[in-house]
Amino acid sequence: MFDFSVSTPPVICYFVADIPIFVHTRDPSEFDNHKVTFLPSTFAIDEHHFTSTLDGSFVFLDDYQPSKHKHNKTAFLSVINYTLRHKKITLFLMVHNLHGTGLFTDIILAPHIFLAYSALGYYVLR
């Protein structure tokens, strides 16, 4: 008997940069551990966490889901519209679902966000 099963190699995300890279994820095994610093599970988009992040760094939040609490939305907008620019931090949000999360309206209020094109992103970009 022949074994026709194909094992797929694990997906690993590699970052190639000379800047500090911080990652918040549920599955650290998907990232190259030599180049990144993993953020604690309590990490949130607020002034406290981003003022303690190194200037000029790259922050990657995998499977980001925004909070629906008003205080957290205000903190999100403050970080997006002020802190990131002044600390020269690049924030990359990996979002799998815009609908039902409230992120759709937050994006409209945050002029410093750039969106990559996707099938769902088309409706936001319009």
Protein backbone atom coordinates (compact mmCIF):
# COMPACT_ATOMS: atom_id res chain seq x y z
CA MET A 1 0.00 0.00 0.00
CA PHE A 2 1.11 3.49 -0.79
CA ASP A 3 0.79 6.32 1.69
CA PHE A 4 -0.59 9.31 -0.25
CA SER A 5 -1.05 11.52 2.79
CA VAL A 6 0.73 14.80 2.60
CA SER A 7 1.91 16.39 5.77
CA THR A 8 1.81 20.15 5.63
CA PRO A 9 4.67 22.02 7.24
CA PRO A 10 3.76 24.28 10.13
CA VAL A 11 3.05 27.89 9.25
CA ILE A 12 5.63 30.20 10.73
CA CYS A 13 5.62 33.98 10.44
CA TYR A 14 9.08 35.51 10.03
CA PHE A 15 9.86 39.18 10.53
CA VAL A 16 12.86 40.68 8.78
CA ALA A 17 13.60 44.02 10.38
CA ASP A 18 16.21 45.83 12.42
CA ILE A 19 13.65 47.25 14.84
CA PRO A 20 12.16 45.78 18.02
CA ILE A 21 9.19 43.54 17.21
CA PHE A 22 6.45 42.75 19.72
CA VAL A 23 3.76 40.12 19.09
CA HIS A 24 0.51 39.40 20.90
CA THR A 25 -0.91 36.02 19.86
CA ARG A 26 -2.65 32.94 21.17
CA ASP A 27 -0.22 30.65 19.37
CA PRO A 28 3.45 31.69 19.72
CA SER A 29 4.55 28.60 17.77
CA GLU A 30 3.44 30.36 14.57
CA PHE A 31 6.18 32.98 14.95
CA ASP A 32 9.94 32.97 14.71
CA ASN A 33 10.87 33.21 18.38
CA HIS A 34 14.35 34.56 17.71
CA LYS A 35 13.20 37.88 16.31
CA VAL A 36 10.17 38.77 18.44
CA THR A 37 9.21 39.59 22.00
CA PHE A 38 5.87 38.14 23.01
CA LEU A 39 3.50 40.45 24.83
CA PRO A 40 1.60 39.28 27.92
CA SER A 41 -1.97 38.03 27.57
CA THR A 42 -3.15 41.15 29.43
CA PHE A 43 -1.76 43.47 26.74
CA ALA A 44 -4.31 45.98 25.46
CA ILE A 45 -4.32 48.99 23.19
CA ASP A 46 -4.09 51.68 25.86
CA GLU A 47 -1.69 54.42 26.93
CA HIS A 48 -0.10 52.34 29.69
CA HIS A 49 1.00 49.52 27.43
CA PHE A 50 2.15 51.68 24.52
CA THR A 51 4.08 54.23 26.56
CA SER A 52 6.14 51.34 27.92
CA THR A 53 6.77 50.01 24.38
CA LEU A 54 10.07 51.03 22.80
CA ASP A 55 10.04 53.98 20.41
CA GLY A 56 10.30 53.00 16.75
CA SER A 57 9.08 49.45 17.29
CA PHE A 58 6.62 47.23 15.43
CA VAL A 59 3.65 45.77 17.33
CA PHE A 60 1.72 42.88 15.76
CA LEU A 61 -1.62 41.90 17.35
CA ASP A 62 -2.84 38.59 15.95
CA ASP A 63 -6.59 37.91 15.91
CA TYR A 64 -7.36 41.34 17.34
CA GLN A 65 -10.84 41.79 18.76
CA PRO A 66 -11.72 45.27 20.01
CA SER A 67 -13.47 45.86 23.29
CA LYS A 68 -17.00 47.20 23.27
CA HIS A 69 -16.54 49.22 26.49
CA LYS A 70 -16.56 52.99 25.98
CA HIS A 71 -13.40 53.54 28.06
CA ASN A 72 -11.48 51.00 25.97
CA LYS A 73 -12.69 52.57 22.70
CA THR A 74 -11.46 55.98 23.88
CA ALA A 75 -8.09 54.47 24.83
CA PHE A 76 -7.87 52.77 21.40
CA LEU A 77 -8.47 56.06 19.58
CA SER A 78 -5.99 57.90 21.79
CA VAL A 79 -3.26 55.35 21.02
CA ILE A 80 -4.06 55.24 17.29
CA ASN A 81 -4.33 59.00 16.80
CA TYR A 82 -1.60 60.22 19.18
CA THR A 83 0.72 57.74 20.90
CA LEU A 84 1.73 55.69 17.85
CA ARG A 85 2.66 58.77 15.86
CA HIS A 86 4.68 60.41 18.65
CA LYS A 87 6.52 57.23 19.61
CA LYS A 88 6.97 56.19 15.95
CA ILE A 89 5.39 52.79 16.63
CA THR A 90 3.91 50.78 13.79
CA LEU A 91 0.82 48.83 14.84
CA PHE A 92 -0.39 45.94 12.72
CA LEU A 93 -3.81 44.53 13.61
CA MET A 94 -4.69 41.13 12.19
CA VAL A 95 -8.50 41.25 12.14
CA HIS A 96 -10.55 38.32 10.93
CA ASN A 97 -13.99 39.87 11.31
CA LEU A 98 -14.97 43.54 11.11
CA HIS A 99 -18.68 43.02 11.52
CA GLY A 100 -20.15 42.83 14.99
CA THR A 101 -16.93 43.98 16.67
CA GLY A 102 -17.42 47.76 16.56
CA LEU A 103 -14.05 48.17 14.86
CA PHE A 104 -15.81 49.44 11.75
CA THR A 105 -16.81 52.71 13.49
CA ASP A 106 -13.48 53.03 15.32
CA ILE A 107 -11.63 52.91 12.00
CA ILE A 108 -13.66 55.83 10.69
CA LEU A 109 -12.60 57.90 13.73
CA ALA A 110 -8.93 57.00 13.37
CA PRO A 111 -7.35 58.84 10.42
CA HIS A 112 -3.92 57.23 10.89
CA ILE A 113 -5.09 53.70 10.07
CA PHE A 114 -4.24 52.14 6.73
CA LEU A 115 -6.20 49.13 5.55
CA ALA A 116 -4.97 46.33 3.37
CA TYR A 117 -7.43 45.27 0.71
CA SER A 118 -9.49 42.17 1.34
CA ALA A 119 -12.96 41.01 0.38
CA LEU A 120 -14.42 42.38 3.63
CA GLY A 121 -12.11 45.40 3.65
CA TYR A 122 -13.67 46.60 0.40
CA TYR A 123 -16.82 47.69 2.24
CA VAL A 124 -14.80 49.65 4.78
CA LEU A 125 -12.71 51.34 2.09
CA ARG A 126 -15.85 52.53 0.25
